C-alpha atoms as a PDB file:
ATOM      1  CA  MET A   1    -252.513  73.688   8.029  1.00  0.00           C
ATOM      2  CA  SER A   2    -251.489  76.636  10.351  1.00  0.00           C
ATOM      3  CA  SER A   3    -253.880  79.418  10.993  1.00  0.00           C
ATOM      4  CA  THR A   4    -251.634  81.653   8.956  1.00  0.00           C
ATOM      5  CA  GLU A   5    -251.916  79.563   5.835  1.00  0.00           C
ATOM      6  CA  SER A   6    -254.732  79.811   3.338  1.00  0.00           C
ATOM      7  CA  GLU A   7    -255.863  77.060   1.290  1.00  0.00           C
ATOM      8  CA  TRP A   8    -253.364  76.204  -1.643  1.00  0.00           C
ATOM      9  CA  GLY A   9    -253.251  79.135  -4.003  1.00  0.00           C
ATOM     10  CA  MET A  10    -255.966  81.307  -1.991  1.00  0.00           C
ATOM     11  CA  VAL A  11    -255.186  84.690  -0.723  1.00  0.00           C
ATOM     12  CA  SER A  12    -256.982  85.771   2.563  1.00  0.00           C
ATOM     13  CA  HIS A  13    -259.373  88.519   2.464  1.00  0.00           C
ATOM     14  CA  ARG A  14    -257.735  90.300   5.337  1.00  0.00           C
ATOM     15  CA  PHE A  15    -254.488  90.598   3.468  1.00  0.00           C
ATOM     16  CA  THR A  16    -256.152  91.785   0.435  1.00  0.00           C
ATOM     17  CA  ASP A  17    -257.968  94.338   2.625  1.00  0.00           C
ATOM     18  CA  LEU A  18    -254.580  95.631   3.853  1.00  0.00           C
ATOM     19  CA  ILE A  19    -253.503  95.811   0.309  1.00  0.00           C
ATOM     20  CA  GLU A  20    -256.590  97.692  -0.850  1.00  0.00           C
ATOM     21  CA  VAL A  21    -256.163 100.285   2.064  1.00  0.00           C
ATOM     22  CA  LEU A  22    -252.626 100.871   0.931  1.00  0.00           C
ATOM     23  CA  GLU A  23    -253.515 101.151  -2.659  1.00  0.00           C
ATOM     24  CA  LEU A  24    -256.124 103.608  -1.884  1.00  0.00           C
ATOM     25  CA  LYS A  25    -253.485 105.833   0.225  1.00  0.00           C
ATOM     26  CA  ILE A  26    -251.189 105.706  -2.675  1.00  0.00           C
ATOM     27  CA  SER A  27    -254.160 106.823  -4.901  1.00  0.00           C
ATOM     28  CA  LEU A  28    -255.122 109.681  -2.660  1.00  0.00           C
ATOM     29  CA  GLU A  29    -251.475 110.852  -2.148  1.00  0.00           C
ATOM     30  CA  THR A  30    -250.889 110.671  -5.920  1.00  0.00           C
ATOM     31  CA  ARG A  31    -254.028 112.960  -6.450  1.00  0.00           C
ATOM     32  CA  ASN A  32    -252.629 115.320  -3.735  1.00  0.00           C
ATOM     33  CA  LEU A  33    -249.500 115.635  -5.245  1.00  0.00           C
ATOM     34  CA  HIS A  34    -250.899 116.461  -8.793  1.00  0.00           C
ATOM     35  CA  ALA A  35    -253.346 118.897  -7.323  1.00  0.00           C
ATOM     36  CA  ALA A  36    -250.576 120.981  -5.379  1.00  0.00           C
ATOM     37  CA  ARG A  37    -249.065 123.585  -7.279  1.00  0.00           C
ATOM     38  CA  ILE A  38    -245.794 125.644  -6.830  1.00  0.00           C
ATOM     39  CA  PRO A  39    -246.382 129.127  -8.221  1.00  0.00           C
ATOM     40  CA  SER A  40    -243.617 130.575 -10.340  1.00  0.00           C
ATOM     41  CA  HIS A  41    -243.695 133.561  -8.122  1.00  0.00           C
ATOM     42  CA  GLY A  42    -245.276 134.934  -4.738  1.00  0.00           C
ATOM     43  CA  ASP A  43    -245.931 132.796  -1.735  1.00  0.00           C
ATOM     44  CA  VAL A  44    -244.545 129.301  -2.610  1.00  0.00           C
ATOM     45  CA  GLU A  45    -244.646 127.854   0.913  1.00  0.00           C
ATOM     46  CA  PRO A  46    -248.221 126.388   0.495  1.00  0.00           C
ATOM     47  CA  GLY A  47    -247.579 124.723  -2.678  1.00  0.00           C
ATOM     48  CA  LEU A  48    -244.023 123.354  -1.446  1.00  0.00           C
ATOM     49  CA  ALA A  49    -245.680 122.113   1.870  1.00  0.00           C
ATOM     50  CA  ALA A  50    -248.491 120.402   0.075  1.00  0.00           C
ATOM     51  CA  SER A  51    -246.023 118.787  -2.481  1.00  0.00           C
ATOM     52  CA  ILE A  52    -243.783 117.750   0.215  1.00  0.00           C
ATOM     53  CA  SER A  53    -246.544 116.230   2.468  1.00  0.00           C
ATOM     54  CA  ALA A  54    -248.036 114.321  -0.552  1.00  0.00           C
ATOM     55  CA  ALA A  55    -244.575 113.011  -1.662  1.00  0.00           C
ATOM     56  CA  HIS A  56    -243.753 111.835   1.831  1.00  0.00           C
ATOM     57  CA  LYS A  57    -247.097 110.154   2.379  1.00  0.00           C
ATOM     58  CA  LEU A  58    -246.992 108.477  -1.137  1.00  0.00           C
ATOM     59  CA  ALA A  59    -243.695 107.214  -0.585  1.00  0.00           C
ATOM     60  CA  SER A  60    -244.404 105.773   2.872  1.00  0.00           C
ATOM     61  CA  ALA A  61    -247.504 104.212   1.617  1.00  0.00           C
ATOM     62  CA  SER A  62    -245.616 102.724  -1.396  1.00  0.00           C
ATOM     63  CA  LYS A  63    -242.927 101.324   0.919  1.00  0.00           C
ATOM     64  CA  ASP A  64    -245.500  99.628   3.197  1.00  0.00           C
ATOM     65  CA  LEU A  65    -247.145  98.187   0.137  1.00  0.00           C
ATOM     66  CA  ARG A  66    -243.890  96.866  -1.329  1.00  0.00           C
ATOM     67  CA  SER A  67    -242.995  95.437   2.272  1.00  0.00           C
ATOM     68  CA  ALA A  68    -246.366  93.768   2.675  1.00  0.00           C
ATOM     69  CA  LEU A  69    -246.346  92.151  -0.882  1.00  0.00           C
ATOM     70  CA  SER A  70    -242.806  91.186  -0.335  1.00  0.00           C
ATOM     71  CA  ALA A  71    -243.146  89.431   2.783  1.00  0.00           C
ATOM     72  CA  TYR A  72    -246.431  87.806   1.861  1.00  0.00           C
ATOM     73  CA  ALA A  73    -245.019  86.400  -1.265  1.00  0.00           C
ATOM     74  CA  HIS A  74    -241.611  85.392   0.166  1.00  0.00           C
ATOM     75  CA  ARG A  75    -242.687  83.744   3.252  1.00  0.00           C
ATOM     76  CA  ILE A  76    -246.539  83.213   3.825  1.00  0.00           C
ATOM     77  CA  HIS A  77    -248.395  82.391   0.522  1.00  0.00           C
ATOM     78  CA  VAL A  78    -248.880  78.910  -0.530  1.00  0.00           C
ATOM     79  CA  PRO A  79    -247.447  77.778  -2.929  1.00  0.00           C
ATOM     80  CA  ARG A  80    -244.512  80.254  -2.660  1.00  0.00           C
ATOM     81  CA  PRO A  81    -243.894  82.179  -5.749  1.00  0.00           C
ATOM     82  CA  LYS A  82    -240.370  81.907  -7.218  1.00  0.00           C
ATOM     83  CA  VAL A  83    -237.859  83.951  -5.258  1.00  0.00           C
ATOM     84  CA  ALA A  84    -236.132  84.756  -8.364  1.00  0.00           C
ATOM     85  CA  VAL A  85    -239.296  86.181 -10.102  1.00  0.00           C
ATOM     86  CA  ILE A  86    -240.378  88.243  -7.036  1.00  0.00           C
ATOM     87  CA  ALA A  87    -236.875  89.728  -6.528  1.00  0.00           C
ATOM     88  CA  GLU A  88    -236.635  90.506 -10.238  1.00  0.00           C
ATOM     89  CA  ALA A  89    -239.916  92.331 -10.192  1.00  0.00           C
ATOM     90  CA  GLN A  90    -238.036  94.684  -7.532  1.00  0.00           C
ATOM     91  CA  ASP A  91    -234.926  94.994  -9.552  1.00  0.00           C
ATOM     92  CA  THR A  92    -233.147  93.181  -6.787  1.00  0.00           C
ATOM     93  CA  ASN A  93    -231.778  89.460  -5.963  1.00  0.00           C
ATOM     94  CA  ALA A  94    -232.876  87.049  -3.430  1.00  0.00           C
ATOM     95  CA  GLN A  95    -230.571  88.633  -0.801  1.00  0.00           C
ATOM     96  CA  GLY A  96    -232.135  91.973  -1.510  1.00  0.00           C
ATOM     97  CA  LEU A  97    -235.838  90.758  -1.442  1.00  0.00           C
ATOM     98  CA  ALA A  98    -235.364  89.728   2.144  1.00  0.00           C
ATOM     99  CA  ARG A  99    -234.299  93.201   3.065  1.00  0.00           C
ATOM    100  CA  ARG A 100    -237.563  94.661   1.565  1.00  0.00           C
ATOM    101  CA  TYR A 101    -239.539  93.575   4.655  1.00  0.00           C
ATOM    102  CA  ASN A 102    -238.566  92.882   8.338  1.00  0.00           C
ATOM    103  CA  GLU A 103    -239.742  90.149  10.868  1.00  0.00           C
ATOM    104  CA  ARG A 104    -242.296  92.808  12.266  1.00  0.00           C
ATOM    105  CA  THR A 105    -243.958  92.990   8.948  1.00  0.00           C
ATOM    106  CA  GLN A 106    -244.068  89.157   8.435  1.00  0.00           C
ATOM    107  CA  GLN A 107    -245.563  88.892  12.079  1.00  0.00           C
ATOM    108  CA  ALA A 108    -248.149  91.239  11.483  1.00  0.00           C
ATOM    109  CA  ILE A 109    -249.456  89.663   8.241  1.00  0.00           C
ATOM    110  CA  GLU A 110    -249.447  86.429   9.859  1.00  0.00           C
ATOM    111  CA  ALA A 111    -251.346  87.671  12.831  1.00  0.00           C
ATOM    112  CA  LEU A 112    -253.706  89.435  10.557  1.00  0.00           C
ATOM    113  CA  ILE A 113    -254.457  86.525   8.508  1.00  0.00           C
ATOM    114  CA  ALA A 114    -255.027  84.476  11.799  1.00  0.00           C
ATOM    115  CA  GLY A 115    -257.526  87.089  13.083  1.00  0.00           C
ATOM    116  CA  SER A 116    -255.326  88.207  15.964  1.00  0.00           C
ATOM    117  CA  ALA A 117    -253.754  91.114  14.584  1.00  0.00           C
ATOM    118  CA  ASP A 118    -254.697  94.598  16.475  1.00  0.00           C
ATOM    119  CA  ALA A 119    -254.345  98.130  15.295  1.00  0.00           C
ATOM    120  CA  GLU A 120    -251.063  98.711  16.989  1.00  0.00           C
ATOM    121  CA  THR A 121    -249.341  95.725  15.465  1.00  0.00           C
ATOM    122  CA  LEU A 122    -250.368  96.925  12.139  1.00  0.00           C
ATOM    123  CA  ARG A 123    -249.347 100.356  12.680  1.00  0.00           C
ATOM    124  CA  SER A 124    -245.997  99.109  14.060  1.00  0.00           C
ATOM    125  CA  ALA A 125    -245.612  97.124  10.845  1.00  0.00           C
ATOM    126  CA  PHE A 126    -247.044  99.561   8.361  1.00  0.00           C
ATOM    127  CA  PRO A 127    -246.439 103.134   9.726  1.00  0.00           C
ATOM    128  CA  SER A 128    -248.407 104.822   6.651  1.00  0.00           C
ATOM    129  CA  LEU A 129    -251.513 103.619   8.237  1.00  0.00           C
ATOM    130  CA  THR A 130    -253.758 105.884  10.281  1.00  0.00           C
ATOM    131  CA  GLN A 131    -255.379 104.430  13.546  1.00  0.00           C
ATOM    132  CA  PRO A 132    -258.782 104.120  11.992  1.00  0.00           C
ATOM    133  CA  GLU A 133    -257.507 102.469   8.974  1.00  0.00           C
ATOM    134  CA  ALA A 134    -255.444  99.906  11.102  1.00  0.00           C
ATOM    135  CA  GLU A 135    -258.644  99.527  13.164  1.00  0.00           C
ATOM    136  CA  ARG A 136    -260.940  98.553   9.949  1.00  0.00           C
ATOM    137  CA  VAL A 137    -258.206  96.317   8.552  1.00  0.00           C
ATOM    138  CA  ALA A 138    -257.510  94.513  12.050  1.00  0.00           C
ATOM    139  CA  SER A 139    -261.494  93.954  12.506  1.00  0.00           C
ATOM    140  CA  GLY A 140    -261.284  91.605   9.557  1.00  0.00           C
ATOM    141  CA  VAL A 141    -264.876  92.547   8.717  1.00  0.00           C
ATOM    142  CA  ARG A 142    -265.317  91.591   4.887  1.00  0.00           C
ATOM    143  CA  GLY A 143    -266.212  94.562   2.886  1.00  0.00           C
ATOM    144  CA  HIS A 144    -265.167  97.005   5.328  1.00  0.00           C
ATOM    145  CA  VAL A 145    -262.617  98.882   3.279  1.00  0.00           C
ATOM    146  CA  SER A 146    -264.068 101.872   1.524  1.00  0.00           C
ATOM    147  CA  THR A 147    -263.670 102.010  -2.197  1.00  0.00           C
ATOM    148  CA  ALA A 148    -264.890 105.573  -2.362  1.00  0.00           C
ATOM    149  CA  SER A 149    -262.898 107.968  -4.451  1.00  0.00           C
ATOM    150  CA  PRO A 150    -260.232 109.516  -2.278  1.00  0.00           C
ATOM    151  CA  GLN A 151    -260.419 113.280  -1.833  1.00  0.00           C
ATOM    152  CA  VAL A 152    -257.794 115.696  -2.509  1.00  0.00           C
ATOM    153  CA  SER A 153    -256.372 117.366   0.651  1.00  0.00           C
ATOM    154  CA  SER A 154    -257.489 120.813   1.461  1.00  0.00           C
ATOM    155  CA  THR A 155    -253.786 121.765   1.517  1.00  0.00           C
ATOM    156  CA  ALA A 156    -253.353 120.676  -2.164  1.00  0.00           C
ATOM    157  CA  ARG A 157    -256.788 122.271  -3.195  1.00  0.00           C
ATOM    158  CA  MET A 158    -255.433 125.581  -1.768  1.00  0.00           C
ATOM    159  CA  SER A 159    -252.074 125.512  -3.395  1.00  0.00           C
ATOM    160  CA  ALA A 160    -253.918 124.541  -6.740  1.00  0.00           C
ATOM    161  CA  GLY A 161    -256.056 127.492  -6.263  1.00  0.00           C
ATOM    162  CA  LEU A 162    -259.151 125.246  -6.217  1.00  0.00           C
END
């Protein structure tokens, strides 16, 4: 068994830590988007900026999550899920599935599972990760990922009048 493969049917905790970080980012930006308010009159700039920022960060983290899950399912997990099932879950076909991630994504996940990924490798493959997030995931220390409730950004709170 290669260093990038887990036991049959097992998912590496390093990979699940990456997924958890991305899911938490999505949760945070969803909360920020809901908290941002665009007033019907007056200065709309702060509300628009907060909404746009949260939407951008949400889309970026969602894309990274889909890319990571697609690469893992399509190229890494043993046994491989059926390509048709994974593709259909994304409203695409087998050819479309292969375009959901790139070689850099696959290599970053393989390095992460092998314990040789560094923060720069992870940030290159998953641009929504901040440097501290990438460092925590790359460290591979079990239980290092915070599960604390994400905090709504100060910009979103301001635009909501909180």
